[in-house]
N, C-alpha and C. Protein backbone atom coordinates (compact mmCIF):
# COMPACT_ATOMS: atom_id res chain seq x y z
N MET A 1 0.83 -1.19 0.00
CA MET A 1 0.00 0.00 0.00
C MET A 1 0.87 1.25 0.00
N ASN A 2 1.97 1.18 0.77
CA ASN A 2 2.89 2.31 0.82
C ASN A 2 3.54 2.58 -0.53
N SER A 3 3.93 1.53 -1.23
CA SER A 3 4.58 1.69 -2.54
C SER A 3 3.60 2.24 -3.56
N LYS A 4 2.31 1.84 -3.45
CA LYS A 4 1.31 2.38 -4.37
C LYS A 4 1.12 3.87 -4.11
N ASN A 5 1.11 4.29 -2.84
CA ASN A 5 0.99 5.70 -2.51
C ASN A 5 2.18 6.50 -3.03
N LYS A 6 3.35 5.89 -2.90
CA LYS A 6 4.55 6.57 -3.40
C LYS A 6 4.49 6.72 -4.91
N ASP A 7 4.07 5.66 -5.59
CA ASP A 7 3.96 5.71 -7.05
C ASP A 7 2.93 6.75 -7.49
N MET A 8 1.82 6.79 -6.74
CA MET A 8 0.78 7.75 -7.07
C MET A 8 1.26 9.19 -6.85
N LYS A 9 2.00 9.40 -5.76
CA LYS A 9 2.54 10.72 -5.50
C LYS A 9 3.53 11.15 -6.58
N LYS A 10 4.37 10.18 -7.02
CA LYS A 10 5.32 10.48 -8.09
C LYS A 10 4.59 10.82 -9.39
N ALA A 11 3.55 10.07 -9.69
CA ALA A 11 2.78 10.31 -10.91
C ALA A 11 2.10 11.68 -10.85
N LEU A 12 1.52 11.99 -9.68
CA LEU A 12 0.85 13.28 -9.49
C LEU A 12 1.84 14.44 -9.60
N LEU A 13 3.01 14.24 -8.99
CA LEU A 13 4.05 15.27 -9.07
C LEU A 13 4.53 15.47 -10.50
N GLY A 14 4.70 14.37 -11.21
CA GLY A 14 5.10 14.43 -12.62
C GLY A 14 4.06 15.14 -13.47
N LEU A 15 2.78 14.84 -13.23
CA LEU A 15 1.69 15.48 -13.96
C LEU A 15 1.63 16.98 -13.66
N LEU A 16 1.83 17.33 -12.40
CA LEU A 16 1.84 18.73 -11.99
C LEU A 16 2.99 19.50 -12.65
N LEU A 17 4.18 18.91 -12.67
CA LEU A 17 5.33 19.53 -13.32
C LEU A 17 5.11 19.70 -14.83
N PHE A 18 4.54 18.66 -15.46
CA PHE A 18 4.27 18.71 -16.89
C PHE A 18 3.25 19.82 -17.20
N THR A 19 2.19 19.90 -16.38
CA THR A 19 1.15 20.93 -16.59
C THR A 19 1.74 22.32 -16.42
N SER A 20 2.58 22.50 -15.40
CA SER A 20 3.21 23.81 -15.18
C SER A 20 4.09 24.19 -16.36
N PHE A 21 4.90 23.24 -16.81
CA PHE A 21 5.78 23.49 -17.96
C PHE A 21 4.97 23.84 -19.20
N ALA A 22 3.90 23.10 -19.45
CA ALA A 22 3.06 23.35 -20.63
C ALA A 22 2.41 24.72 -20.55
N THR A 23 1.97 25.13 -19.35
CA THR A 23 1.35 26.45 -19.17
C THR A 23 2.35 27.57 -19.44
N PHE A 24 3.57 27.46 -18.88
CA PHE A 24 4.59 28.48 -19.12
C PHE A 24 4.98 28.54 -20.59
N ALA A 25 5.08 27.38 -21.22
CA ALA A 25 5.43 27.34 -22.65
C ALA A 25 4.35 28.03 -23.47
N GLN A 26 3.07 27.79 -23.12
CA GLN A 26 1.97 28.41 -23.84
C GLN A 26 1.98 29.93 -23.64
N GLU A 27 2.26 30.38 -22.42
CA GLU A 27 2.33 31.83 -22.16
C GLU A 27 3.46 32.46 -22.95
N ASP A 28 4.62 31.76 -23.03
CA ASP A 28 5.74 32.27 -23.81
C ASP A 28 5.37 32.40 -25.28
N LEU A 29 4.65 31.38 -25.81
CA LEU A 29 4.23 31.42 -27.21
C LEU A 29 3.27 32.58 -27.44
N GLN A 30 2.34 32.80 -26.50
CA GLN A 30 1.40 33.89 -26.65
C GLN A 30 2.12 35.23 -26.60
N GLU A 31 3.12 35.37 -25.73
CA GLU A 31 3.88 36.62 -25.65
C GLU A 31 4.64 36.88 -26.94
N GLU A 32 5.16 35.79 -27.55
CA GLU A 32 5.89 35.96 -28.80
C GLU A 32 4.98 36.45 -29.92
N LYS A 33 3.69 36.09 -29.88
CA LYS A 33 2.75 36.48 -30.92
C LYS A 33 2.32 37.93 -30.82
N VAL A 34 2.53 38.57 -29.67
CA VAL A 34 2.13 39.96 -29.49
C VAL A 34 2.99 40.85 -30.38
N LYS A 35 2.32 41.73 -31.11
CA LYS A 35 3.03 42.66 -31.99
C LYS A 35 3.26 43.95 -31.22
N HIS A 36 4.47 44.49 -31.28
CA HIS A 36 4.84 45.64 -30.45
C HIS A 36 5.04 46.94 -31.21
N SER A 37 4.98 46.94 -32.53
CA SER A 37 5.27 48.15 -33.30
C SER A 37 4.07 48.55 -34.14
N GLU A 38 3.92 49.87 -34.32
CA GLU A 38 2.87 50.42 -35.17
C GLU A 38 3.42 51.57 -36.00
N VAL A 39 3.00 51.63 -37.26
CA VAL A 39 3.27 52.79 -38.12
C VAL A 39 1.93 53.33 -38.57
N LYS A 40 1.81 54.67 -38.61
CA LYS A 40 0.52 55.28 -38.89
C LYS A 40 0.69 56.56 -39.70
N ILE A 41 -0.37 56.88 -40.45
CA ILE A 41 -0.43 58.17 -41.15
C ILE A 41 -1.74 58.86 -40.76
N ASN A 42 -1.66 60.15 -40.53
CA ASN A 42 -2.80 60.92 -40.06
C ASN A 42 -3.58 61.45 -41.27
N ALA A 43 -4.68 60.77 -41.62
CA ALA A 43 -5.49 61.16 -42.77
C ALA A 43 -6.20 62.49 -42.53
N PHE A 44 -6.57 62.76 -41.30
CA PHE A 44 -7.26 64.01 -40.94
C PHE A 44 -6.41 65.22 -41.31
N ASN A 45 -5.14 65.21 -40.91
CA ASN A 45 -4.25 66.33 -41.21
C ASN A 45 -3.94 66.44 -42.69
N LEU A 46 -3.83 65.31 -43.36
CA LEU A 46 -3.53 65.31 -44.78
C LEU A 46 -4.68 65.94 -45.57
N ILE A 47 -5.91 65.54 -45.26
CA ILE A 47 -7.07 66.03 -46.00
C ILE A 47 -7.42 67.46 -45.63
N LEU A 48 -7.51 67.75 -44.35
CA LEU A 48 -8.02 69.05 -43.90
C LEU A 48 -6.95 70.15 -43.91
N PHE A 49 -5.73 69.82 -43.51
CA PHE A 49 -4.71 70.84 -43.33
C PHE A 49 -3.55 70.76 -44.32
N LYS A 50 -3.61 69.86 -45.30
CA LYS A 50 -2.52 69.68 -46.27
C LYS A 50 -1.18 69.45 -45.57
N SER A 51 -1.20 68.57 -44.57
CA SER A 51 0.02 68.30 -43.79
C SER A 51 0.28 66.81 -43.75
N ILE A 52 1.52 66.42 -43.97
CA ILE A 52 1.91 65.02 -43.81
C ILE A 52 2.27 64.81 -42.36
N ASP A 53 1.62 63.83 -41.74
CA ASP A 53 1.82 63.55 -40.31
C ASP A 53 1.93 62.03 -40.15
N VAL A 54 3.16 61.55 -39.91
CA VAL A 54 3.39 60.12 -39.76
C VAL A 54 3.89 59.83 -38.34
N SER A 55 3.58 58.62 -37.85
CA SER A 55 3.92 58.25 -36.48
C SER A 55 4.46 56.85 -36.40
N TYR A 56 5.30 56.63 -35.39
CA TYR A 56 5.72 55.29 -34.99
C TYR A 56 5.41 55.16 -33.51
N GLU A 57 4.84 54.01 -33.13
CA GLU A 57 4.51 53.77 -31.72
C GLU A 57 5.02 52.39 -31.31
N TYR A 58 5.66 52.33 -30.15
CA TYR A 58 6.14 51.06 -29.60
C TYR A 58 5.30 50.71 -28.38
N LEU A 59 4.71 49.51 -28.39
CA LEU A 59 3.86 49.06 -27.30
C LEU A 59 4.72 48.42 -26.21
N ILE A 60 4.82 49.09 -25.07
CA ILE A 60 5.63 48.59 -23.96
C ILE A 60 4.98 47.35 -23.35
N ASP A 61 3.68 47.45 -23.07
CA ASP A 61 2.91 46.32 -22.56
C ASP A 61 1.45 46.57 -22.94
N SER A 62 0.53 45.82 -22.33
CA SER A 62 -0.88 45.92 -22.73
C SER A 62 -1.51 47.26 -22.37
N GLU A 63 -0.89 48.02 -21.47
CA GLU A 63 -1.50 49.26 -21.00
C GLU A 63 -0.73 50.52 -21.36
N SER A 64 0.47 50.41 -21.90
CA SER A 64 1.25 51.63 -22.14
C SER A 64 2.09 51.54 -23.41
N SER A 65 2.40 52.70 -23.96
CA SER A 65 3.22 52.78 -25.17
C SER A 65 3.92 54.13 -25.22
N ILE A 66 4.97 54.18 -26.04
CA ILE A 66 5.65 55.44 -26.35
C ILE A 66 5.71 55.57 -27.87
N GLY A 67 5.78 56.79 -28.33
CA GLY A 67 5.82 56.99 -29.77
C GLY A 67 6.30 58.38 -30.13
N ALA A 68 6.33 58.63 -31.44
CA ALA A 68 6.72 59.95 -31.93
C ALA A 68 6.03 60.20 -33.27
N SER A 69 5.63 61.46 -33.46
CA SER A 69 5.00 61.89 -34.72
C SER A 69 5.84 63.00 -35.33
N VAL A 70 5.86 63.04 -36.65
CA VAL A 70 6.51 64.12 -37.38
C VAL A 70 5.49 64.71 -38.34
N LEU A 71 5.23 66.01 -38.21
CA LEU A 71 4.28 66.71 -39.07
C LEU A 71 5.05 67.71 -39.93
N ILE A 72 4.78 67.66 -41.23
CA ILE A 72 5.35 68.64 -42.17
C ILE A 72 4.18 69.29 -42.88
N ASN A 73 4.08 70.60 -42.74
CA ASN A 73 2.97 71.36 -43.32
C ASN A 73 3.31 71.68 -44.78
N LEU A 74 2.45 71.25 -45.70
CA LEU A 74 2.67 71.48 -47.13
C LEU A 74 2.00 72.75 -47.64
N ARG A 75 1.23 73.40 -46.77
CA ARG A 75 0.50 74.61 -47.17
C ARG A 75 1.46 75.75 -47.45
N ASP A 76 1.20 76.46 -48.54
CA ASP A 76 1.97 77.66 -48.87
C ASP A 76 1.54 78.77 -47.93
N THR A 77 2.47 79.44 -47.30
CA THR A 77 2.14 80.43 -46.27
C THR A 77 1.32 81.61 -46.80
N ASP A 78 1.46 81.95 -48.06
CA ASP A 78 0.69 83.09 -48.58
C ASP A 78 -0.45 82.63 -49.50
N SER A 79 -0.97 81.41 -49.25
CA SER A 79 -2.04 80.87 -50.09
C SER A 79 -3.38 81.52 -49.83
N GLY A 80 -3.55 82.16 -48.66
CA GLY A 80 -4.81 82.82 -48.34
C GLY A 80 -5.91 81.87 -47.88
N GLU A 81 -5.57 80.63 -47.56
CA GLU A 81 -6.57 79.68 -47.08
C GLU A 81 -7.02 80.04 -45.67
N ASP A 82 -8.29 79.76 -45.38
CA ASP A 82 -8.85 80.11 -44.08
C ASP A 82 -8.43 79.14 -42.98
N ILE A 83 -8.27 77.86 -43.30
CA ILE A 83 -7.99 76.85 -42.28
C ILE A 83 -6.59 76.28 -42.50
N TYR A 84 -5.76 76.39 -41.48
CA TYR A 84 -4.38 75.93 -41.60
C TYR A 84 -3.75 75.81 -40.22
N TYR A 85 -2.63 75.06 -40.17
CA TYR A 85 -1.79 75.01 -38.97
C TYR A 85 -0.78 76.15 -39.05
N ASN A 86 -0.48 76.76 -37.91
CA ASN A 86 0.62 77.73 -37.87
C ASN A 86 1.96 77.03 -37.98
N GLU A 87 1.99 75.77 -37.56
CA GLU A 87 3.25 75.02 -37.52
C GLU A 87 3.67 74.58 -38.92
N LYS A 88 4.91 74.89 -39.29
CA LYS A 88 5.48 74.37 -40.54
C LYS A 88 6.08 72.99 -40.30
N LEU A 89 6.56 72.75 -39.07
CA LEU A 89 7.16 71.48 -38.70
C LEU A 89 6.84 71.23 -37.24
N ALA A 90 6.52 69.98 -36.91
CA ALA A 90 6.28 69.61 -35.51
C ALA A 90 6.79 68.20 -35.28
N ILE A 91 7.61 68.05 -34.26
CA ILE A 91 8.11 66.73 -33.84
C ILE A 91 7.53 66.48 -32.45
N THR A 92 6.74 65.41 -32.31
CA THR A 92 5.95 65.19 -31.10
C THR A 92 6.19 63.82 -30.49
N PRO A 93 7.06 63.71 -29.48
CA PRO A 93 7.15 62.45 -28.73
C PRO A 93 5.99 62.37 -27.73
N TYR A 94 5.49 61.14 -27.49
CA TYR A 94 4.35 61.00 -26.59
C TYR A 94 4.37 59.69 -25.82
N TYR A 95 3.61 59.68 -24.72
CA TYR A 95 3.39 58.49 -23.90
C TYR A 95 1.89 58.28 -23.78
N ARG A 96 1.44 57.03 -23.97
CA ARG A 96 0.01 56.73 -23.88
C ARG A 96 -0.26 55.67 -22.82
N ARG A 97 -1.42 55.81 -22.17
CA ARG A 97 -1.89 54.83 -21.18
C ARG A 97 -3.28 54.37 -21.62
N TYR A 98 -3.43 53.05 -21.83
CA TYR A 98 -4.67 52.46 -22.33
C TYR A 98 -5.52 51.92 -21.18
N PHE A 99 -6.84 51.99 -21.36
CA PHE A 99 -7.79 51.55 -20.34
C PHE A 99 -8.75 50.54 -20.94
N SER A 100 -8.25 49.34 -21.23
CA SER A 100 -9.08 48.29 -21.81
C SER A 100 -8.48 46.94 -21.44
N SER A 101 -9.30 45.90 -21.51
CA SER A 101 -8.79 44.56 -21.23
C SER A 101 -8.01 44.01 -22.43
N LYS A 102 -8.20 44.60 -23.61
CA LYS A 102 -7.47 44.17 -24.80
C LYS A 102 -6.09 44.83 -24.83
N TYR A 103 -5.18 44.24 -25.61
CA TYR A 103 -3.79 44.69 -25.65
C TYR A 103 -3.68 46.03 -26.39
N ALA A 104 -3.32 47.12 -25.67
CA ALA A 104 -3.14 48.46 -26.25
C ALA A 104 -4.25 48.80 -27.22
N TRP A 105 -5.46 48.81 -26.70
CA TRP A 105 -6.66 48.94 -27.52
C TRP A 105 -7.69 49.76 -26.76
N GLY A 106 -8.49 50.54 -27.45
CA GLY A 106 -9.58 51.27 -26.81
C GLY A 106 -9.18 52.66 -26.35
N PHE A 107 -9.86 53.14 -25.31
CA PHE A 107 -9.68 54.49 -24.79
C PHE A 107 -8.27 54.69 -24.24
N PHE A 108 -7.67 55.85 -24.52
CA PHE A 108 -6.34 56.15 -23.97
C PHE A 108 -6.21 57.62 -23.60
N LEU A 109 -5.28 57.87 -22.68
CA LEU A 109 -4.83 59.22 -22.33
C LEU A 109 -3.41 59.38 -22.84
N GLU A 110 -3.07 60.56 -23.30
CA GLU A 110 -1.74 60.80 -23.87
C GLU A 110 -1.14 62.07 -23.26
N ALA A 111 0.13 61.98 -22.90
CA ALA A 111 0.92 63.15 -22.52
C ALA A 111 1.97 63.34 -23.62
N PHE A 112 2.15 64.56 -24.08
CA PHE A 112 3.10 64.77 -25.19
C PHE A 112 3.93 66.03 -24.98
N GLY A 113 5.07 66.02 -25.63
CA GLY A 113 5.91 67.20 -25.78
C GLY A 113 5.95 67.51 -27.26
N MET A 114 6.20 68.74 -27.64
CA MET A 114 6.23 69.07 -29.06
C MET A 114 7.25 70.18 -29.32
N TYR A 115 8.18 69.88 -30.23
CA TYR A 115 9.04 70.93 -30.78
C TYR A 115 8.38 71.36 -32.07
N ASN A 116 8.06 72.64 -32.20
CA ASN A 116 7.39 73.10 -33.42
C ASN A 116 8.01 74.40 -33.91
N VAL A 117 7.97 74.56 -35.22
CA VAL A 117 8.45 75.78 -35.86
C VAL A 117 7.27 76.44 -36.55
N GLN A 118 6.98 77.67 -36.15
CA GLN A 118 5.89 78.42 -36.74
C GLN A 118 6.46 79.54 -37.59
N ASP A 119 5.76 79.87 -38.66
CA ASP A 119 6.20 81.02 -39.46
C ASP A 119 5.02 81.91 -39.74
N ASP A 120 5.32 83.14 -40.07
CA ASP A 120 4.28 84.12 -40.34
C ASP A 120 4.77 85.01 -41.46
N VAL A 121 4.01 85.05 -42.54
CA VAL A 121 4.32 85.95 -43.65
C VAL A 121 3.20 86.98 -43.70
N TYR A 122 3.56 88.23 -43.60
CA TYR A 122 2.52 89.26 -43.71
C TYR A 122 3.00 90.39 -44.60
N GLU A 123 2.01 91.08 -45.17
CA GLU A 123 2.28 92.16 -46.12
C GLU A 123 1.68 93.45 -45.59
N GLU A 124 2.37 94.55 -45.85
CA GLU A 124 1.89 95.85 -45.38
C GLU A 124 2.10 96.91 -46.46
N TYR A 125 1.20 97.88 -46.45
CA TYR A 125 1.40 99.10 -47.24
C TYR A 125 1.66 100.23 -46.25
N ASN A 126 2.82 100.83 -46.34
CA ASN A 126 3.18 101.93 -45.44
C ASN A 126 3.36 103.21 -46.24
N TYR A 127 2.89 104.27 -45.64
CA TYR A 127 3.03 105.58 -46.32
C TYR A 127 4.40 106.16 -46.02
N ASN A 128 5.13 106.53 -47.07
CA ASN A 128 6.43 107.17 -46.95
C ASN A 128 6.23 108.67 -47.17
N MET A 129 6.45 109.41 -46.09
CA MET A 129 6.21 110.86 -46.17
C MET A 129 7.21 111.56 -47.07
N ILE A 130 8.44 111.04 -47.17
CA ILE A 130 9.47 111.70 -47.99
C ILE A 130 9.13 111.58 -49.47
N SER A 131 8.76 110.36 -49.89
CA SER A 131 8.45 110.16 -51.31
C SER A 131 6.97 110.43 -51.62
N ASP A 132 6.18 110.64 -50.55
CA ASP A 132 4.74 110.87 -50.69
C ASP A 132 4.06 109.74 -51.46
N GLN A 133 4.48 108.49 -51.12
CA GLN A 133 3.91 107.31 -51.77
C GLN A 133 3.74 106.19 -50.73
N TYR A 134 2.85 105.24 -51.08
CA TYR A 134 2.70 104.05 -50.26
C TYR A 134 3.69 103.00 -50.74
N GLU A 135 4.37 102.38 -49.80
CA GLU A 135 5.35 101.35 -50.14
C GLU A 135 4.88 100.00 -49.63
N TYR A 136 5.10 99.03 -50.46
CA TYR A 136 4.68 97.66 -50.15
C TYR A 136 5.85 96.90 -49.52
N THR A 137 5.62 96.34 -48.33
CA THR A 137 6.69 95.56 -47.67
C THR A 137 6.13 94.21 -47.23
N THR A 138 7.00 93.23 -47.22
CA THR A 138 6.62 91.89 -46.71
C THR A 138 7.59 91.50 -45.61
N SER A 139 7.11 90.64 -44.73
CA SER A 139 7.95 90.15 -43.64
C SER A 139 7.73 88.65 -43.49
N ASP A 140 8.79 87.92 -43.32
CA ASP A 140 8.71 86.47 -43.12
C ASP A 140 9.51 86.14 -41.87
N GLU A 141 8.82 85.82 -40.78
CA GLU A 141 9.47 85.53 -39.51
C GLU A 141 9.12 84.13 -39.05
N THR A 142 10.02 83.55 -38.26
CA THR A 142 9.76 82.22 -37.70
C THR A 142 9.95 82.24 -36.19
N SER A 143 9.35 81.22 -35.54
CA SER A 143 9.52 81.06 -34.10
C SER A 143 9.68 79.57 -33.80
N SER A 144 10.74 79.22 -33.11
CA SER A 144 10.95 77.84 -32.66
C SER A 144 10.40 77.72 -31.25
N ASN A 145 9.54 76.72 -31.04
CA ASN A 145 8.80 76.62 -29.78
C ASN A 145 8.90 75.23 -29.18
N LEU A 146 8.70 75.16 -27.87
CA LEU A 146 8.63 73.89 -27.16
C LEU A 146 7.34 73.88 -26.35
N ALA A 147 6.48 72.87 -26.62
CA ALA A 147 5.17 72.79 -25.98
C ALA A 147 5.02 71.48 -25.22
N PHE A 148 4.13 71.50 -24.23
CA PHE A 148 3.72 70.31 -23.50
C PHE A 148 2.21 70.29 -23.44
N GLY A 149 1.61 69.07 -23.54
CA GLY A 149 0.16 69.01 -23.53
C GLY A 149 -0.38 67.62 -23.28
N MET A 150 -1.70 67.50 -23.40
CA MET A 150 -2.40 66.24 -23.19
C MET A 150 -3.44 66.03 -24.28
N ALA A 151 -3.74 64.75 -24.54
CA ALA A 151 -4.77 64.40 -25.53
C ALA A 151 -5.51 63.17 -25.03
N VAL A 152 -6.69 62.95 -25.57
CA VAL A 152 -7.48 61.74 -25.31
C VAL A 152 -7.88 61.15 -26.65
N GLY A 153 -8.12 59.84 -26.65
CA GLY A 153 -8.52 59.22 -27.91
C GLY A 153 -8.90 57.77 -27.74
N GLY A 154 -9.11 57.12 -28.88
CA GLY A 154 -9.45 55.71 -28.90
C GLY A 154 -8.77 55.02 -30.06
N LYS A 155 -8.34 53.77 -29.84
CA LYS A 155 -7.65 52.99 -30.88
C LYS A 155 -8.37 51.66 -31.05
N PHE A 156 -8.50 51.23 -32.31
CA PHE A 156 -9.18 49.99 -32.63
C PHE A 156 -8.32 49.22 -33.62
N VAL A 157 -8.05 47.94 -33.31
CA VAL A 157 -7.12 47.13 -34.09
C VAL A 157 -7.80 45.85 -34.52
N SER A 158 -7.68 45.50 -35.81
CA SER A 158 -8.25 44.24 -36.31
C SER A 158 -7.32 43.08 -35.95
N LYS A 159 -7.81 41.85 -36.11
CA LYS A 159 -7.01 40.66 -35.79
C LYS A 159 -5.75 40.58 -36.65
N LYS A 160 -5.81 41.11 -37.87
CA LYS A 160 -4.66 41.02 -38.77
C LYS A 160 -3.73 42.22 -38.66
N GLY A 161 -4.04 43.17 -37.76
CA GLY A 161 -3.10 44.26 -37.50
C GLY A 161 -3.47 45.62 -38.05
N PHE A 162 -4.54 45.72 -38.87
CA PHE A 162 -4.96 47.03 -39.38
C PHE A 162 -5.52 47.83 -38.20
N LEU A 163 -5.17 49.12 -38.12
CA LEU A 163 -5.65 49.91 -36.99
C LEU A 163 -6.18 51.26 -37.44
N PHE A 164 -7.10 51.77 -36.61
CA PHE A 164 -7.67 53.09 -36.79
C PHE A 164 -7.73 53.74 -35.42
N GLU A 165 -7.36 55.02 -35.35
CA GLU A 165 -7.46 55.73 -34.08
C GLU A 165 -7.88 57.17 -34.31
N VAL A 166 -8.57 57.72 -33.32
CA VAL A 166 -8.94 59.14 -33.33
C VAL A 166 -8.48 59.74 -32.01
N PHE A 167 -8.02 60.98 -32.05
CA PHE A 167 -7.56 61.64 -30.83
C PHE A 167 -7.64 63.15 -30.99
N GLY A 168 -7.68 63.82 -29.86
CA GLY A 168 -7.68 65.27 -29.86
C GLY A 168 -7.13 65.79 -28.55
N GLY A 169 -6.40 66.88 -28.63
CA GLY A 169 -5.83 67.47 -27.43
C GLY A 169 -5.22 68.83 -27.74
N VAL A 170 -4.61 69.39 -26.72
CA VAL A 170 -4.01 70.72 -26.87
C VAL A 170 -2.75 70.80 -26.01
N GLY A 171 -1.80 71.57 -26.50
CA GLY A 171 -0.58 71.83 -25.75
C GLY A 171 -0.33 73.32 -25.65
N ARG A 172 0.55 73.67 -24.76
CA ARG A 172 0.89 75.10 -24.58
C ARG A 172 2.37 75.29 -24.86
N ASN A 173 2.70 76.29 -25.68
CA ASN A 173 4.09 76.62 -25.94
C ASN A 173 4.69 77.27 -24.70
N ILE A 174 5.61 76.56 -24.05
CA ILE A 174 6.26 77.04 -22.83
C ILE A 174 7.45 77.94 -23.18
N ILE A 175 8.17 77.54 -24.23
CA ILE A 175 9.35 78.30 -24.67
C ILE A 175 9.11 78.73 -26.12
N GLN A 176 9.36 80.02 -26.41
CA GLN A 176 9.20 80.56 -27.76
C GLN A 176 10.40 81.43 -28.10
N SER A 177 10.92 81.27 -29.31
CA SER A 177 12.05 82.11 -29.71
C SER A 177 11.59 83.47 -30.23
N ASN A 178 10.33 83.57 -30.66
CA ASN A 178 9.80 84.84 -31.18
C ASN A 178 8.34 84.96 -30.71
N GLU A 179 8.14 85.60 -29.58
CA GLU A 179 6.80 85.68 -28.99
C GLU A 179 5.83 86.52 -29.83
N LYS A 180 6.37 87.33 -30.72
CA LYS A 180 5.53 88.19 -31.55
C LYS A 180 4.67 87.36 -32.51
N ILE A 181 5.22 86.26 -33.02
CA ILE A 181 4.45 85.45 -33.97
C ILE A 181 4.10 84.06 -33.43
N GLY A 182 4.79 83.59 -32.39
CA GLY A 182 4.51 82.26 -31.84
C GLY A 182 3.16 82.22 -31.15
N SER A 183 2.34 81.22 -31.46
CA SER A 183 1.03 81.11 -30.81
C SER A 183 1.20 80.51 -29.42
N GLU A 184 0.25 80.80 -28.54
CA GLU A 184 0.32 80.31 -27.17
C GLU A 184 -0.02 78.82 -27.08
N PHE A 185 -1.00 78.37 -27.89
CA PHE A 185 -1.46 76.99 -27.84
C PHE A 185 -1.21 76.28 -29.17
N VAL A 186 -1.02 74.97 -29.11
CA VAL A 186 -0.85 74.15 -30.30
C VAL A 186 -1.85 73.00 -30.26
N PRO A 187 -2.46 72.66 -31.40
CA PRO A 187 -3.43 71.55 -31.42
C PRO A 187 -2.74 70.20 -31.59
N ARG A 188 -3.41 69.15 -31.15
CA ARG A 188 -2.98 67.77 -31.42
C ARG A 188 -4.24 67.02 -31.83
N LEU A 189 -4.41 66.85 -33.15
CA LEU A 189 -5.63 66.28 -33.70
C LEU A 189 -5.29 65.16 -34.66
N GLY A 190 -6.18 64.16 -34.74
CA GLY A 190 -5.90 63.11 -35.71
C GLY A 190 -6.99 62.08 -35.88
N ALA A 191 -7.02 61.54 -37.08
CA ALA A 191 -7.77 60.33 -37.42
C ALA A 191 -6.79 59.53 -38.26
N THR A 192 -6.13 58.56 -37.66
CA THR A 192 -5.02 57.88 -38.31
C THR A 192 -5.36 56.45 -38.69
N PHE A 193 -4.71 56.00 -39.75
CA PHE A 193 -4.79 54.62 -40.20
C PHE A 193 -3.38 54.06 -40.17
N GLY A 194 -3.26 52.78 -39.87
CA GLY A 194 -1.92 52.22 -39.82
C GLY A 194 -1.91 50.72 -39.69
N TRP A 195 -0.77 50.21 -39.27
CA TRP A 195 -0.53 48.78 -39.22
C TRP A 195 0.27 48.43 -37.97
N ARG A 196 -0.19 47.42 -37.24
CA ARG A 196 0.54 46.91 -36.09
C ARG A 196 1.30 45.66 -36.53
N PHE A 197 2.59 45.63 -36.26
CA PHE A 197 3.42 44.49 -36.70
C PHE A 197 4.43 44.09 -35.63
């Protein structure tokens, strides 16, 4: 009876070890299948503001990520369009925190920093008393700025990796090289499409 108990204990211990090993192996395989990188293009900025805005995001874990966006404004400064970004260039590193049971999916909060370059082209007619004529002058000035801000949004990812996200937020320029033309606030807006790989 004692030997049968010993054999049974050995078998049970062996089964327990095998089950534990199989569980850890399965978790390792599942972790390997998780995709950690995303590339995205902001269709909202491209269509509405004539700006190319591309991003890369690295998923740290299921609840957090870091990334960076680069925006290049293609709008001609003297085009006379009503809707435009003041920024000619913006480089935006960010950190996101996700609030969902799915992996880096759903509602998120974002904290960001932004280096941006703004320019302003304006034209004036000034009266010259000596020549008794109006003179036409133009000015083209730039301001290099550093902003910090927050945004909120949502991200949705298909099983094969296609993703769509929307977000909106605002930042404040803390440092400006030319306060005369630098705006106080900067927008952070997007409706992006991309791929998780």
